[in-house]
């Protein structure tokens, strides 16, 4: 596993760079992190190349990768260079993918600035880009040389971004820590202890990934809520008026998939009610129209957990416990979506 360091960047970053001793350094930012986060890094960095891209999931495609590779090439980066990915999940996924493929791989570090990327996207070595509207369709498994998490970066986030990242924290509690689930569900969003929850989620994910680095088995539990959640997110991606943040879509997916688990006898009604009531209280209910249902179900056929055309889910089988590779039918998924819709 790559090292995950939770500390202020002015403290952790110079020590990491000294350890790596790169031939050159580049920093990848988007519009938001250039404005809010890069000023913290700039004074403590040696000479470097700044690569700036536009923000948003809609930029996470091959054309943006070409922009990044071109910038590295123009800067005469060799195989001993270092790419620092300063941003959320899009920057981390895409920057890591570009680093892992440039000259067959250069060193890179994830410097996650959103709650979502700190607790999920930056840890575990999943890298990739979207392709033909499908999330993370092209990618690799490659651990970063380090993940440097600075909780102070969360102060730069609007509440909607915090709420989005909280969905992955909820997921980690539901699949792996029943006691922590009971603790967080009794608190409002703004009353949560973010540094404590970041450390907790990182520990959960590291423990799972260490046992299954390339998602052959156990690591699939980290995808609870994601089969339907990713499909919902992808479906709304092209509609700017209805577009969802990742965590908002995963929250919907967790409710729908918890219902599927309940109907299969894997969880009891009490747990289903806890999940439903808390997630609706935090996220509200995304409106799903009749005409949304079939396109969402079609998108689940592209889920990376599937096998031989059969949709397989990670489903809860108790508080703090999750099964994986559970076959699910189209009818069951449709039931879950209609349950979520209410």
Protein backbone atom coordinates (compact mmCIF):
# COMPACT_ATOMS: atom_id res chain seq x y z
CA UNK A 1 0.00 0.00 0.00
CA UNK A 2 1.10 3.56 -0.64
CA UNK A 3 1.53 5.74 2.43
CA UNK A 4 -1.46 7.83 3.48
CA UNK A 5 -0.45 10.83 5.57
CA UNK A 6 -3.05 12.99 7.28
CA UNK A 7 -1.33 16.28 8.11
CA UNK A 8 -1.04 19.85 6.88
CA UNK A 9 0.44 20.05 3.37
CA UNK A 10 3.11 22.58 4.40
CA UNK A 11 4.29 19.89 6.84
CA UNK A 12 3.94 16.73 4.73
CA UNK A 13 4.66 17.81 1.15
CA UNK A 14 8.29 19.06 1.43
CA UNK A 15 9.30 15.87 3.26
CA UNK A 16 7.66 13.70 0.60
CA UNK A 17 9.35 15.57 -2.26
CA UNK A 18 12.74 15.26 -0.55
CA UNK A 19 12.17 11.51 -0.24
CA UNK A 20 11.20 11.08 -3.91
CA UNK A 21 13.90 13.47 -5.21
CA UNK A 22 12.20 13.92 -8.60
CA UNK A 23 13.92 15.24 -11.73
CA UNK A 24 10.99 17.60 -12.29
CA UNK A 25 7.63 18.41 -10.67
CA UNK A 26 4.25 19.22 -12.19
CA UNK A 27 1.10 20.23 -10.36
CA UNK A 28 -2.31 19.42 -11.86
CA UNK A 29 -5.14 21.75 -10.82
CA UNK A 30 -8.60 22.73 -11.99
CA UNK A 31 -10.24 26.16 -11.88
CA UNK A 32 -11.36 25.70 -8.28
CA UNK A 33 -8.17 24.29 -6.78
CA UNK A 34 -6.07 26.83 -8.67
CA UNK A 35 -7.98 29.59 -6.88
CA UNK A 36 -8.51 28.07 -3.43
CA UNK A 37 -5.79 25.47 -2.84
CA UNK A 38 -2.77 26.11 -5.09
CA UNK A 39 -1.83 29.31 -3.19
CA UNK A 40 -1.11 27.09 -0.14
CA UNK A 41 1.27 24.90 -2.17
CA UNK A 42 3.03 27.45 -4.35
CA UNK A 43 5.29 28.95 -1.64
CA UNK A 44 6.50 25.53 -0.42
CA UNK A 45 7.18 23.98 -3.83
CA UNK A 46 10.44 24.07 -5.74
CA UNK A 47 10.41 25.05 -9.41
CA UNK A 48 7.50 23.27 -11.11
CA UNK A 49 5.18 23.13 -14.11
CA UNK A 50 1.56 24.11 -13.51
CA UNK A 51 -1.06 22.22 -15.55
CA UNK A 52 -4.52 23.77 -15.31
CA UNK A 53 -7.70 22.17 -16.64
CA UNK A 54 -11.38 22.99 -16.38
CA UNK A 55 -13.30 21.58 -13.44
CA UNK A 56 -16.04 18.96 -13.56
CA UNK A 57 -16.82 15.32 -14.35
CA UNK A 58 -17.55 16.34 -17.94
CA UNK A 59 -13.80 17.04 -18.39
CA UNK A 60 -12.79 13.51 -17.37
CA UNK A 61 -12.11 12.13 -20.84
CA UNK A 62 -9.33 11.30 -23.27
CA UNK A 63 -9.07 14.80 -24.76
CA UNK A 64 -8.18 16.26 -21.35
CA UNK A 65 -5.62 13.48 -20.87
CA UNK A 66 -4.02 14.58 -24.13
CA UNK A 67 -3.75 18.11 -22.73
CA UNK A 68 -1.98 16.76 -19.62
CA UNK A 69 0.36 14.46 -21.56
CA UNK A 70 1.16 17.32 -23.93
CA UNK A 71 2.08 19.62 -21.03
CA UNK A 72 4.39 16.97 -19.56
CA UNK A 73 5.99 16.39 -22.95
CA UNK A 74 6.53 20.11 -23.57
CA UNK A 75 8.16 20.38 -20.15
CA UNK A 76 10.54 17.54 -21.17
CA UNK A 77 9.43 15.33 -18.30
CA UNK A 78 11.44 12.12 -18.08
CA UNK A 79 10.51 8.94 -16.21
CA UNK A 80 11.86 10.37 -12.94
CA UNK A 81 9.36 13.23 -12.80
CA UNK A 82 6.61 13.68 -10.21
CA UNK A 83 3.00 14.71 -10.81
CA UNK A 84 1.07 16.19 -7.88
CA UNK A 85 -2.71 15.89 -8.34
CA UNK A 86 -4.30 18.73 -6.37
CA UNK A 87 -8.07 18.39 -6.42
CA UNK A 88 -11.07 16.13 -6.05
CA UNK A 89 -11.90 12.76 -7.54
CA UNK A 90 -11.74 13.92 -11.16
CA UNK A 91 -8.22 15.36 -10.76
CA UNK A 92 -7.05 12.31 -8.82
CA UNK A 93 -8.53 9.72 -11.18
CA UNK A 94 -7.42 11.43 -14.36
CA UNK A 95 -4.09 12.79 -13.13
CA UNK A 96 -3.17 9.39 -11.74
CA UNK A 97 -4.18 7.72 -15.00
CA UNK A 98 -2.02 10.14 -16.99
CA UNK A 99 0.95 9.61 -14.65
CA UNK A 100 0.57 5.82 -14.75
CA UNK A 101 0.62 5.82 -18.56
CA UNK A 102 3.07 8.64 -19.40
CA UNK A 103 6.33 6.95 -20.49
CA UNK A 104 4.85 3.77 -18.92
CA UNK A 105 4.63 5.41 -15.53
CA UNK A 106 6.03 8.29 -13.50
CA UNK A 107 5.72 9.01 -9.78
CA UNK A 108 2.56 10.72 -8.62
CA UNK A 109 0.91 11.76 -5.38
CA UNK A 110 -2.73 12.43 -4.62
CA UNK A 111 -3.42 15.67 -2.76
CA UNK A 112 -7.19 15.37 -2.28
CA UNK A 113 -9.04 18.60 -1.56
CA UNK A 114 -12.68 17.42 -1.35
CA UNK A 115 -14.25 15.23 1.32
CA UNK A 116 -15.19 12.71 -1.37
CA UNK A 117 -11.62 12.34 -2.60
CA UNK A 118 -10.13 12.30 0.91
CA UNK A 119 -12.30 9.44 2.13
CA UNK A 120 -12.61 7.44 -1.07
CA UNK A 121 -11.25 8.39 -4.49
CA UNK A 122 -7.64 9.08 -3.48
CA UNK A 123 -7.13 5.80 -1.61
CA UNK A 124 -6.78 2.41 -3.24
CA UNK A 125 -5.14 3.04 -6.62
CA UNK A 126 -8.17 3.06 -8.91
CA UNK A 127 -7.44 5.42 -11.80
CA UNK A 128 -9.36 6.18 -14.95
CA UNK A 129 -11.49 8.31 -17.21
CA UNK A 130 -15.01 8.27 -18.57
CA UNK A 131 -15.59 6.98 -22.09
CA UNK A 132 -18.69 7.35 -24.28
CA UNK A 133 -20.61 8.60 -21.25
CA UNK A 134 -19.67 5.62 -19.06
CA UNK A 135 -17.97 6.39 -15.74
CA UNK A 136 -14.40 5.19 -15.24
CA UNK A 137 -14.70 2.94 -18.29
CA UNK A 138 -11.01 3.19 -19.22
CA UNK A 139 -8.44 2.88 -16.46
CA UNK A 140 -5.85 0.98 -14.47
CA UNK A 141 -5.01 -0.10 -10.94
CA UNK A 142 -1.88 1.80 -9.83
CA UNK A 143 -1.11 2.92 -6.29
CA UNK A 144 0.19 6.48 -5.90
CA UNK A 145 3.54 7.05 -4.27
CA UNK A 146 1.66 8.83 -1.48
CA UNK A 147 -1.70 10.25 -0.50
CA UNK A 148 -1.29 13.51 1.42
CA UNK A 149 -4.55 14.51 3.11
CA UNK A 150 -4.87 17.95 4.65
CA UNK A 151 -8.19 18.26 6.55
CA UNK A 152 -7.86 22.06 6.39
CA UNK A 153 -8.68 21.86 2.67
CA UNK A 154 -12.27 21.00 3.57
CA UNK A 155 -12.79 24.61 4.62
CA UNK A 156 -12.66 25.55 0.92
CA UNK A 157 -15.74 23.44 0.10
CA UNK A 158 -19.38 24.50 -0.30
CA UNK A 159 -21.87 22.52 1.77
CA UNK A 160 -23.14 20.57 -1.25
CA UNK A 161 -19.64 19.16 -1.84
CA UNK A 162 -19.33 18.18 1.82
CA UNK A 163 -22.69 16.45 1.62
CA UNK A 164 -21.59 14.57 -1.49
CA UNK A 165 -18.45 13.24 0.19
CA UNK A 166 -20.42 12.24 3.28
CA UNK A 167 -22.20 9.56 1.23
CA UNK A 168 -18.98 7.54 1.00
CA UNK A 169 -18.45 7.89 4.76
CA UNK A 170 -21.97 6.55 5.30
CA UNK A 171 -21.21 3.67 2.95
CA UNK A 172 -18.02 2.74 4.83
CA UNK A 173 -19.94 2.65 8.11
CA UNK A 174 -22.78 0.56 6.68
CA UNK A 175 -20.48 -2.05 5.15
CA UNK A 176 -17.82 -2.27 7.86
CA UNK A 177 -18.64 -0.53 11.18
CA UNK A 178 -22.07 -0.87 12.73
CA UNK A 179 -21.08 1.14 15.81
CA UNK A 180 -19.91 4.09 13.72
CA UNK A 181 -23.11 3.94 11.67
CA UNK A 182 -25.18 4.31 14.83
CA UNK A 183 -23.01 7.26 15.84
CA UNK A 184 -23.17 9.28 12.61
CA UNK A 185 -26.86 8.74 11.94
CA UNK A 186 -27.74 10.54 15.15
CA UNK A 187 -25.96 13.71 14.05
CA UNK A 188 -26.79 16.41 11.50
CA UNK A 189 -24.42 16.96 8.59
CA UNK A 190 -22.82 20.05 10.12
CA UNK A 191 -22.30 18.36 13.48
CA UNK A 192 -20.06 15.59 12.12
CA UNK A 193 -16.40 15.39 13.17
CA UNK A 194 -14.73 15.53 9.74
CA UNK A 195 -11.08 14.85 10.72
CA UNK A 196 -12.18 11.81 12.74
CA UNK A 197 -14.42 10.52 9.93
CA UNK A 198 -11.74 11.04 7.26
CA UNK A 199 -9.29 8.96 9.30
CA UNK A 200 -11.95 6.29 9.91
CA UNK A 201 -12.90 5.98 6.23
CA UNK A 202 -9.26 5.85 5.12
CA UNK A 203 -8.64 3.03 7.62
CA UNK A 204 -11.68 1.06 6.39
CA UNK A 205 -10.71 1.40 2.75
CA UNK A 206 -7.03 0.63 3.34
CA UNK A 207 -7.94 -2.50 5.28
CA UNK A 208 -10.17 -3.78 2.47
CA UNK A 209 -7.81 -2.82 -0.38
CA UNK A 210 -4.83 -4.47 1.35
CA UNK A 211 -6.70 -7.80 1.20
CA UNK A 212 -7.85 -7.38 -2.41
CA UNK A 213 -5.87 -4.75 -4.35
CA UNK A 214 -7.40 -5.42 -7.79
CA UNK A 215 -11.03 -6.03 -6.84
CA UNK A 216 -11.23 -9.76 -7.45
CA UNK A 217 -13.38 -10.34 -4.37
CA UNK A 218 -13.69 -8.51 -1.05
CA UNK A 219 -12.91 -5.05 -2.46
CA UNK A 220 -16.24 -5.21 -4.30
CA UNK A 221 -18.01 -4.40 -1.01
CA UNK A 222 -16.77 -0.82 -1.48
CA UNK A 223 -19.25 -0.64 -4.35
CA UNK A 224 -22.38 -0.87 -2.20
CA UNK A 225 -24.83 1.67 -3.64
CA UNK A 226 -22.72 2.10 -6.76
CA UNK A 227 -24.37 -0.22 -9.30
CA UNK A 228 -27.57 1.82 -9.40
CA UNK A 229 -25.82 4.95 -8.09
CA UNK A 230 -23.34 5.10 -10.97
CA UNK A 231 -26.13 4.40 -13.45
CA UNK A 232 -28.22 7.26 -12.02
CA UNK A 233 -25.20 9.59 -12.03
CA UNK A 234 -24.35 8.70 -15.63
CA UNK A 235 -27.95 9.07 -16.80
CA UNK A 236 -28.16 12.63 -15.49
CA UNK A 237 -24.66 13.65 -16.59
CA UNK A 238 -25.82 15.10 -19.90
CA UNK A 239 -28.66 17.12 -18.35
CA UNK A 240 -27.20 20.24 -16.73
CA UNK A 241 -30.48 20.97 -14.92
CA UNK A 242 -30.63 17.56 -13.25
CA UNK A 243 -26.94 16.65 -12.97
CA UNK A 244 -26.01 15.06 -9.65
CA UNK A 245 -22.79 15.05 -7.67
CA UNK A 246 -21.33 11.60 -7.15
CA UNK A 247 -22.38 11.29 -3.52
CA UNK A 248 -25.93 12.43 -4.27
CA UNK A 249 -26.30 9.63 -6.81
CA UNK A 250 -24.68 7.07 -4.49
CA UNK A 251 -27.09 8.05 -1.72
CA UNK A 252 -29.97 7.21 -4.05
CA UNK A 253 -28.24 3.98 -5.00
CA UNK A 254 -27.80 2.96 -1.37
CA UNK A 255 -31.50 3.37 -0.61
CA UNK A 256 -32.52 1.38 -3.70
CA UNK A 257 -29.95 -1.35 -3.10
CA UNK A 258 -30.81 -1.57 0.61
CA UNK A 259 -34.38 -2.28 -0.45
CA UNK A 260 -33.16 -5.04 -2.78
CA UNK A 261 -31.17 -6.52 0.12
CA UNK A 262 -34.30 -6.36 2.30
CA UNK A 263 -36.44 -8.11 -0.32
CA UNK A 264 -33.79 -10.84 -0.57
CA UNK A 265 -33.94 -11.36 3.21
CA UNK A 266 -30.39 -10.10 3.73
CA UNK A 267 -31.26 -7.21 6.07
CA UNK A 268 -34.24 -6.55 8.31
CA UNK A 269 -36.82 -3.81 7.96
CA UNK A 270 -35.38 -1.87 10.90
CA UNK A 271 -32.04 -1.36 9.12
CA UNK A 272 -33.78 -0.50 5.86
CA UNK A 273 -35.81 2.16 7.67
CA UNK A 274 -32.71 3.59 9.36
CA UNK A 275 -30.94 3.92 6.00
CA UNK A 276 -33.93 5.34 4.19
CA UNK A 277 -34.83 7.91 6.85
CA UNK A 278 -31.28 9.16 7.35
CA UNK A 279 -30.36 9.39 3.67
CA UNK A 280 -33.58 11.18 2.77
CA UNK A 281 -33.01 13.59 5.68
CA UNK A 282 -29.49 14.43 4.46
CA UNK A 283 -29.95 14.27 0.66
CA UNK A 284 -33.64 14.63 -0.04
CA UNK A 285 -35.11 12.55 -2.86
CA UNK A 286 -33.93 12.87 -6.47
CA UNK A 287 -36.92 12.91 -8.79
CA UNK A 288 -36.98 9.86 -11.07
CA UNK A 289 -39.49 10.00 -13.91
CA UNK A 290 -41.01 6.94 -15.60
CA UNK A 291 -38.90 7.64 -18.68
CA UNK A 292 -35.69 7.60 -16.59
CA UNK A 293 -36.12 4.02 -15.41
CA UNK A 294 -35.21 1.96 -18.49
CA UNK A 295 -32.15 4.05 -19.43
CA UNK A 296 -30.84 3.72 -15.85
CA UNK A 297 -31.38 -0.04 -15.89
CA UNK A 298 -29.63 -0.32 -19.27
CA UNK A 299 -26.60 1.50 -17.87
CA UNK A 300 -26.23 -1.11 -15.09
CA UNK A 301 -25.24 -3.60 -17.82
CA UNK A 302 -21.92 -1.73 -18.06
CA UNK A 303 -21.13 -2.11 -14.35
CA UNK A 304 -17.61 -3.46 -13.82
CA UNK A 305 -18.75 -6.04 -11.25
CA UNK A 306 -20.92 -7.83 -13.82
CA UNK A 307 -20.06 -11.24 -15.17
CA UNK A 308 -21.28 -12.89 -18.38
CA UNK A 309 -23.98 -10.26 -18.81
CA UNK A 310 -25.35 -10.81 -15.30
CA UNK A 311 -25.60 -7.82 -12.94
CA UNK A 312 -23.91 -8.53 -9.63
CA UNK A 313 -24.16 -6.24 -6.65
CA UNK A 314 -22.52 -5.61 -3.32
CA UNK A 315 -25.45 -5.82 -0.89
CA UNK A 316 -25.64 -5.37 2.85
CA UNK A 317 -26.19 -8.55 4.84
CA UNK A 318 -26.39 -6.85 8.23
CA UNK A 319 -25.22 -3.74 10.07
CA UNK A 320 -21.57 -3.22 9.27
CA UNK A 321 -21.50 -6.21 6.95
CA UNK A 322 -21.68 -6.60 3.19
CA UNK A 323 -21.79 -9.46 0.68
CA UNK A 324 -20.50 -9.23 -2.88
CA UNK A 325 -21.17 -10.88 -6.25
CA UNK A 326 -24.89 -11.14 -5.44
CA UNK A 327 -26.85 -11.77 -8.68
CA UNK A 328 -29.65 -9.25 -9.17
CA UNK A 329 -32.34 -9.26 -11.84
CA UNK A 330 -33.67 -6.36 -13.85
CA UNK A 331 -37.01 -6.75 -12.08
CA UNK A 332 -35.34 -6.49 -8.65
CA UNK A 333 -33.45 -3.35 -9.67
CA UNK A 334 -36.64 -1.81 -11.02
CA UNK A 335 -38.35 -2.56 -7.70
CA UNK A 336 -35.47 -0.83 -5.90
CA UNK A 337 -35.75 2.28 -8.08
CA UNK A 338 -39.52 2.50 -7.61
CA UNK A 339 -39.09 2.04 -3.86
CA UNK A 340 -36.60 4.91 -3.81
CA UNK A 341 -38.94 7.08 -5.84
CA UNK A 342 -41.76 6.45 -3.38
